[in-house]
N, C-alpha and C. Protein backbone atom coordinates (compact mmCIF):
# COMPACT_ATOMS: atom_id res chain seq x y z
N MET A 1 -279.88 72.43 58.71
CA MET A 1 -279.50 73.75 59.17
C MET A 1 -278.06 74.00 58.72
N GLU A 2 -277.77 75.24 58.38
CA GLU A 2 -276.43 75.62 57.93
C GLU A 2 -275.91 76.78 58.78
N ARG A 3 -274.62 76.75 59.01
CA ARG A 3 -273.94 77.87 59.67
C ARG A 3 -273.28 78.67 58.54
N ILE A 4 -273.57 79.97 58.49
CA ILE A 4 -272.96 80.85 57.51
C ILE A 4 -271.88 81.65 58.20
N TYR A 5 -270.66 81.59 57.65
CA TYR A 5 -269.56 82.43 58.12
C TYR A 5 -269.45 83.59 57.14
N TYR A 6 -269.56 84.80 57.68
CA TYR A 6 -269.57 85.98 56.81
C TYR A 6 -269.05 87.17 57.60
N ALA A 7 -268.08 87.86 57.04
CA ALA A 7 -267.54 89.10 57.62
C ALA A 7 -267.15 88.94 59.09
N GLY A 8 -266.49 87.83 59.39
CA GLY A 8 -266.00 87.60 60.75
C GLY A 8 -267.06 87.21 61.75
N ASP A 9 -268.28 86.97 61.30
CA ASP A 9 -269.37 86.57 62.19
C ASP A 9 -269.94 85.26 61.66
N GLN A 10 -270.85 84.69 62.42
CA GLN A 10 -271.52 83.47 61.98
C GLN A 10 -272.98 83.51 62.35
N PHE A 11 -273.78 82.90 61.47
CA PHE A 11 -275.23 82.90 61.63
C PHE A 11 -275.75 81.52 61.25
N LEU A 12 -276.87 81.15 61.82
CA LEU A 12 -277.53 79.90 61.47
C LEU A 12 -278.75 80.22 60.62
N THR A 13 -278.95 79.43 59.58
CA THR A 13 -280.15 79.59 58.76
C THR A 13 -280.50 78.24 58.15
N GLY A 14 -281.59 78.20 57.45
CA GLY A 14 -282.02 76.96 56.82
C GLY A 14 -281.10 76.55 55.68
N THR A 15 -281.06 75.26 55.43
CA THR A 15 -280.19 74.73 54.38
C THR A 15 -280.57 75.28 53.01
N ALA A 16 -281.85 75.29 52.68
CA ALA A 16 -282.29 75.79 51.37
C ALA A 16 -281.95 77.27 51.22
N ILE A 17 -282.09 78.03 52.29
CA ILE A 17 -281.77 79.46 52.26
C ILE A 17 -280.28 79.66 52.03
N ALA A 18 -279.45 78.94 52.78
CA ALA A 18 -277.99 79.07 52.65
C ALA A 18 -277.53 78.68 51.25
N ASN A 19 -278.06 77.60 50.72
CA ASN A 19 -277.66 77.16 49.38
C ASN A 19 -278.06 78.19 48.33
N ALA A 20 -279.26 78.75 48.46
CA ALA A 20 -279.72 79.76 47.51
C ALA A 20 -278.88 81.03 47.62
N LEU A 21 -278.48 81.41 48.83
CA LEU A 21 -277.63 82.58 49.03
C LEU A 21 -276.27 82.39 48.37
N VAL A 22 -275.66 81.24 48.55
CA VAL A 22 -274.34 80.98 47.97
C VAL A 22 -274.44 80.97 46.44
N SER A 23 -275.48 80.38 45.89
CA SER A 23 -275.66 80.38 44.43
C SER A 23 -275.83 81.79 43.90
N TYR A 24 -276.59 82.61 44.61
CA TYR A 24 -276.79 84.00 44.21
C TYR A 24 -275.47 84.77 44.26
N ALA A 25 -274.70 84.58 45.33
CA ALA A 25 -273.41 85.25 45.46
C ALA A 25 -272.47 84.83 44.33
N ALA A 26 -272.47 83.55 43.97
CA ALA A 26 -271.61 83.08 42.88
C ALA A 26 -272.03 83.70 41.55
N ALA A 27 -273.34 83.79 41.31
CA ALA A 27 -273.83 84.39 40.06
C ALA A 27 -273.45 85.86 40.00
N LEU A 28 -273.58 86.57 41.11
CA LEU A 28 -273.17 87.97 41.14
C LEU A 28 -271.68 88.10 40.88
N GLY A 29 -270.90 87.21 41.46
CA GLY A 29 -269.45 87.23 41.27
C GLY A 29 -269.06 87.03 39.82
N ARG A 30 -269.75 86.11 39.14
CA ARG A 30 -269.46 85.88 37.71
C ARG A 30 -269.76 87.12 36.89
N ARG A 31 -270.76 87.89 37.29
CA ARG A 31 -271.13 89.11 36.58
C ARG A 31 -270.32 90.31 37.02
N GLY A 32 -269.58 90.19 38.11
CA GLY A 32 -268.77 91.30 38.60
C GLY A 32 -269.61 92.41 39.21
N THR A 33 -270.72 92.03 39.82
CA THR A 33 -271.61 93.02 40.43
C THR A 33 -271.98 92.57 41.85
N THR A 34 -272.67 93.42 42.56
CA THR A 34 -273.05 93.10 43.93
C THR A 34 -274.55 93.21 44.11
N GLY A 35 -275.02 92.66 45.20
CA GLY A 35 -276.43 92.75 45.55
C GLY A 35 -276.57 92.62 47.06
N ALA A 36 -277.68 93.08 47.57
CA ALA A 36 -277.97 92.96 49.00
C ALA A 36 -279.23 92.12 49.16
N ILE A 37 -279.20 91.24 50.13
CA ILE A 37 -280.36 90.38 50.37
C ILE A 37 -280.50 90.13 51.87
N GLU A 38 -281.73 90.21 52.34
CA GLU A 38 -282.01 89.98 53.75
C GLU A 38 -282.33 88.50 53.96
N ILE A 39 -281.67 87.92 54.95
CA ILE A 39 -281.80 86.50 55.26
C ILE A 39 -282.22 86.33 56.71
N PRO A 40 -283.22 85.48 56.97
CA PRO A 40 -283.57 85.20 58.37
C PRO A 40 -282.51 84.30 58.99
N VAL A 41 -282.08 84.64 60.18
CA VAL A 41 -281.02 83.87 60.85
C VAL A 41 -281.37 83.64 62.32
N ARG A 42 -280.70 82.64 62.86
CA ARG A 42 -280.74 82.38 64.30
C ARG A 42 -279.32 82.61 64.79
N HIS A 43 -279.17 83.46 65.78
CA HIS A 43 -277.83 83.73 66.32
C HIS A 43 -277.40 82.54 67.18
N PRO A 44 -276.20 82.01 66.91
CA PRO A 44 -275.77 80.80 67.62
C PRO A 44 -275.51 81.00 69.10
N ASP A 45 -275.18 82.22 69.49
CA ASP A 45 -274.85 82.43 70.90
C ASP A 45 -276.07 82.40 71.82
N ASP A 46 -277.18 82.99 71.39
CA ASP A 46 -278.35 83.04 72.27
C ASP A 46 -279.63 82.49 71.63
N GLY A 47 -279.57 82.06 70.36
CA GLY A 47 -280.73 81.46 69.71
C GLY A 47 -281.79 82.41 69.23
N ARG A 48 -281.56 83.73 69.40
CA ARG A 48 -282.59 84.68 68.98
C ARG A 48 -282.68 84.73 67.46
N LEU A 49 -283.88 85.02 66.97
CA LEU A 49 -284.12 85.13 65.53
C LEU A 49 -284.03 86.59 65.11
N SER A 50 -283.46 86.82 63.95
CA SER A 50 -283.42 88.16 63.39
C SER A 50 -283.23 88.06 61.88
N VAL A 51 -283.10 89.19 61.27
CA VAL A 51 -282.85 89.25 59.83
C VAL A 51 -281.53 89.97 59.63
N VAL A 52 -280.66 89.40 58.79
CA VAL A 52 -279.36 90.00 58.50
C VAL A 52 -279.34 90.37 57.03
N ASN A 53 -278.85 91.57 56.73
CA ASN A 53 -278.74 92.04 55.36
C ASN A 53 -277.32 91.72 54.87
N PHE A 54 -277.21 90.79 53.93
CA PHE A 54 -275.92 90.38 53.40
C PHE A 54 -275.64 91.15 52.12
N LEU A 55 -274.45 91.73 52.03
CA LEU A 55 -273.96 92.33 50.80
C LEU A 55 -273.09 91.27 50.13
N VAL A 56 -273.52 90.81 48.95
CA VAL A 56 -272.81 89.73 48.29
C VAL A 56 -272.39 90.15 46.89
N GLY A 57 -271.31 89.55 46.43
CA GLY A 57 -270.79 89.87 45.10
C GLY A 57 -269.42 89.26 44.92
N PRO A 58 -268.63 89.85 44.01
CA PRO A 58 -267.33 89.27 43.68
C PRO A 58 -266.37 89.13 44.86
N ALA A 59 -266.44 90.02 45.81
CA ALA A 59 -265.50 89.98 46.93
C ALA A 59 -266.07 89.25 48.15
N SER A 60 -267.27 88.70 48.02
CA SER A 60 -267.89 88.02 49.16
C SER A 60 -267.12 86.77 49.54
N GLN A 61 -266.95 86.62 50.82
CA GLN A 61 -266.32 85.42 51.34
C GLN A 61 -267.31 84.75 52.26
N ILE A 62 -268.20 84.01 51.65
CA ILE A 62 -269.25 83.31 52.39
C ILE A 62 -268.89 81.83 52.43
N VAL A 63 -268.95 81.28 53.62
CA VAL A 63 -268.72 79.86 53.80
C VAL A 63 -269.91 79.31 54.57
N THR A 64 -270.40 78.16 54.14
CA THR A 64 -271.48 77.52 54.88
C THR A 64 -271.02 76.16 55.37
N GLU A 65 -271.61 75.76 56.47
CA GLU A 65 -271.27 74.47 57.07
C GLU A 65 -272.56 73.83 57.58
N ARG A 66 -272.79 72.60 57.16
CA ARG A 66 -273.98 71.89 57.64
C ARG A 66 -273.78 71.53 59.11
N ILE A 67 -274.80 71.77 59.89
CA ILE A 67 -274.75 71.40 61.31
C ILE A 67 -275.97 70.55 61.63
N ASP A 68 -275.83 69.74 62.62
CA ASP A 68 -276.96 68.93 63.07
C ASP A 68 -277.85 69.77 63.95
N ALA A 69 -279.11 69.80 63.59
CA ALA A 69 -280.10 70.53 64.39
C ALA A 69 -281.42 69.80 64.23
N GLY A 70 -282.25 69.98 65.17
CA GLY A 70 -283.57 69.37 65.08
C GLY A 70 -284.37 69.97 63.94
N ASP A 71 -285.29 69.18 63.39
CA ASP A 71 -286.10 69.66 62.27
C ASP A 71 -286.92 70.90 62.66
N ASP A 72 -287.24 71.02 63.94
CA ASP A 72 -288.00 72.18 64.40
C ASP A 72 -287.16 73.46 64.37
N ASP A 73 -285.83 73.33 64.42
CA ASP A 73 -284.94 74.49 64.42
C ASP A 73 -284.65 75.02 63.02
N GLU A 74 -284.93 74.21 61.99
CA GLU A 74 -284.63 74.59 60.60
C GLU A 74 -285.44 75.82 60.20
N LEU A 75 -284.74 76.86 59.78
CA LEU A 75 -285.41 78.07 59.30
C LEU A 75 -285.84 77.84 57.86
N ARG A 76 -287.08 78.19 57.56
CA ARG A 76 -287.61 78.01 56.21
C ARG A 76 -288.27 79.31 55.74
N ASP A 77 -288.03 79.62 54.48
CA ASP A 77 -288.69 80.77 53.85
C ASP A 77 -288.73 80.48 52.35
N GLU A 78 -289.76 79.77 51.92
CA GLU A 78 -289.86 79.34 50.53
C GLU A 78 -289.92 80.53 49.56
N GLN A 79 -290.57 81.61 49.97
CA GLN A 79 -290.64 82.79 49.10
C GLN A 79 -289.25 83.38 48.89
N LEU A 80 -288.47 83.46 49.93
CA LEU A 80 -287.10 83.98 49.82
C LEU A 80 -286.25 83.08 48.94
N VAL A 81 -286.35 81.77 49.14
CA VAL A 81 -285.57 80.83 48.34
C VAL A 81 -285.95 80.96 46.87
N GLU A 82 -287.23 81.06 46.59
CA GLU A 82 -287.67 81.22 45.20
C GLU A 82 -287.19 82.55 44.62
N ARG A 83 -287.20 83.60 45.42
CA ARG A 83 -286.71 84.90 44.96
C ARG A 83 -285.22 84.83 44.64
N LEU A 84 -284.45 84.20 45.52
CA LEU A 84 -283.01 84.06 45.28
C LEU A 84 -282.74 83.23 44.03
N ARG A 85 -283.50 82.17 43.84
CA ARG A 85 -283.34 81.35 42.63
C ARG A 85 -283.67 82.15 41.38
N SER A 86 -284.70 82.97 41.47
CA SER A 86 -285.08 83.80 40.33
C SER A 86 -284.00 84.83 40.02
N LEU A 87 -283.49 85.49 41.05
CA LEU A 87 -282.41 86.47 40.86
C LEU A 87 -281.17 85.80 40.28
N THR A 88 -280.87 84.60 40.74
CA THR A 88 -279.72 83.85 40.23
C THR A 88 -279.92 83.50 38.76
N ALA A 89 -281.12 83.07 38.41
CA ALA A 89 -281.41 82.72 37.02
C ALA A 89 -281.30 83.93 36.10
N GLU A 90 -281.72 85.10 36.59
CA GLU A 90 -281.61 86.32 35.79
C GLU A 90 -280.16 86.68 35.48
N LEU A 91 -279.24 86.26 36.33
CA LEU A 91 -277.82 86.55 36.15
C LEU A 91 -277.10 85.51 35.31
N ALA A 92 -277.79 84.44 34.94
CA ALA A 92 -277.15 83.38 34.16
C ALA A 92 -276.80 83.90 32.78
N PRO A 93 -275.69 83.41 32.23
CA PRO A 93 -275.31 83.85 30.89
C PRO A 93 -276.35 83.41 29.87
N MET A 94 -276.52 84.24 28.85
CA MET A 94 -277.46 83.93 27.78
C MET A 94 -276.81 82.95 26.81
N HIS A 95 -277.55 81.97 26.39
CA HIS A 95 -277.10 81.01 25.40
C HIS A 95 -278.13 80.96 24.28
N PRO A 96 -277.67 81.04 23.04
CA PRO A 96 -278.63 80.96 21.95
C PRO A 96 -279.26 79.57 21.89
N ILE A 97 -280.49 79.56 21.52
CA ILE A 97 -281.20 78.29 21.36
C ILE A 97 -281.26 77.98 19.87
N THR A 98 -280.78 76.84 19.51
CA THR A 98 -280.82 76.46 18.10
C THR A 98 -281.78 75.30 17.93
N ASN A 99 -282.32 75.21 16.74
CA ASN A 99 -283.22 74.12 16.43
C ASN A 99 -282.44 73.09 15.64
N HIS A 100 -282.02 72.06 16.31
CA HIS A 100 -281.26 71.00 15.65
C HIS A 100 -282.17 69.86 15.24
N GLY A 101 -283.43 70.15 15.11
CA GLY A 101 -284.38 69.11 14.73
C GLY A 101 -284.23 68.73 13.27
N VAL A 102 -284.95 67.72 12.89
CA VAL A 102 -284.94 67.25 11.52
C VAL A 102 -285.68 68.26 10.65
N PRO A 103 -285.13 68.63 9.51
CA PRO A 103 -285.83 69.59 8.65
C PRO A 103 -287.17 69.04 8.20
N ASP A 104 -288.08 69.96 8.05
CA ASP A 104 -289.42 69.59 7.60
C ASP A 104 -289.37 69.33 6.10
N THR A 105 -289.43 68.07 5.70
CA THR A 105 -289.35 67.73 4.27
C THR A 105 -290.70 67.86 3.58
N GLU A 106 -291.72 68.14 4.33
CA GLU A 106 -293.05 68.29 3.75
C GLU A 106 -293.17 69.61 2.98
N GLN A 107 -292.43 70.63 3.42
CA GLN A 107 -292.53 71.93 2.76
C GLN A 107 -291.43 72.06 1.72
N ALA A 108 -291.83 72.54 0.56
CA ALA A 108 -290.86 72.76 -0.51
C ALA A 108 -290.04 74.00 -0.19
N VAL A 109 -288.76 73.96 -0.52
CA VAL A 109 -287.89 75.10 -0.33
C VAL A 109 -287.84 75.84 -1.65
N ASP A 110 -288.16 77.11 -1.62
CA ASP A 110 -288.21 77.90 -2.84
C ASP A 110 -287.04 78.87 -2.86
N TYR A 111 -285.93 78.47 -3.51
CA TYR A 111 -284.78 79.34 -3.65
C TYR A 111 -284.80 80.00 -5.01
N ASP A 112 -284.42 81.23 -5.03
CA ASP A 112 -284.26 81.92 -6.32
C ASP A 112 -282.76 81.96 -6.60
N TRP A 113 -282.29 81.01 -7.38
CA TRP A 113 -280.88 80.85 -7.64
C TRP A 113 -280.33 81.93 -8.57
N THR A 114 -281.21 82.79 -9.12
CA THR A 114 -280.73 83.84 -10.00
C THR A 114 -280.31 85.08 -9.25
N ASP A 115 -280.65 85.16 -7.95
CA ASP A 115 -280.23 86.32 -7.16
C ASP A 115 -278.72 86.30 -6.95
N GLU A 116 -278.12 87.47 -7.06
CA GLU A 116 -276.69 87.55 -6.79
C GLU A 116 -276.44 87.59 -5.30
N VAL A 117 -275.35 87.04 -4.93
CA VAL A 117 -275.00 86.98 -3.51
C VAL A 117 -274.23 88.21 -3.13
């Protein structure tokens, strides 16, 4: 279980959810953009469950802290975690893929050396 500190308040949520949220916020920050995402939380004062809409991006100040809680208290939402991971991956910088493999020596290379460059 993780405690999320955000906008002067604190919320409890599952570890996988908190980690995915922080990764998404970091990816948005690198891109200089913002996003909103709803996260299931347990309020620490009374234990009630609700959903909080987090606005995250370059100016987000999100801090998480691992807390000891029973396994039954851990909030889980695999679909949300997968969605956050997907959104984070979409924000990753593009890198060209090169083929550094061994050249295929079976095929003849046909250059026309008479062409002007």
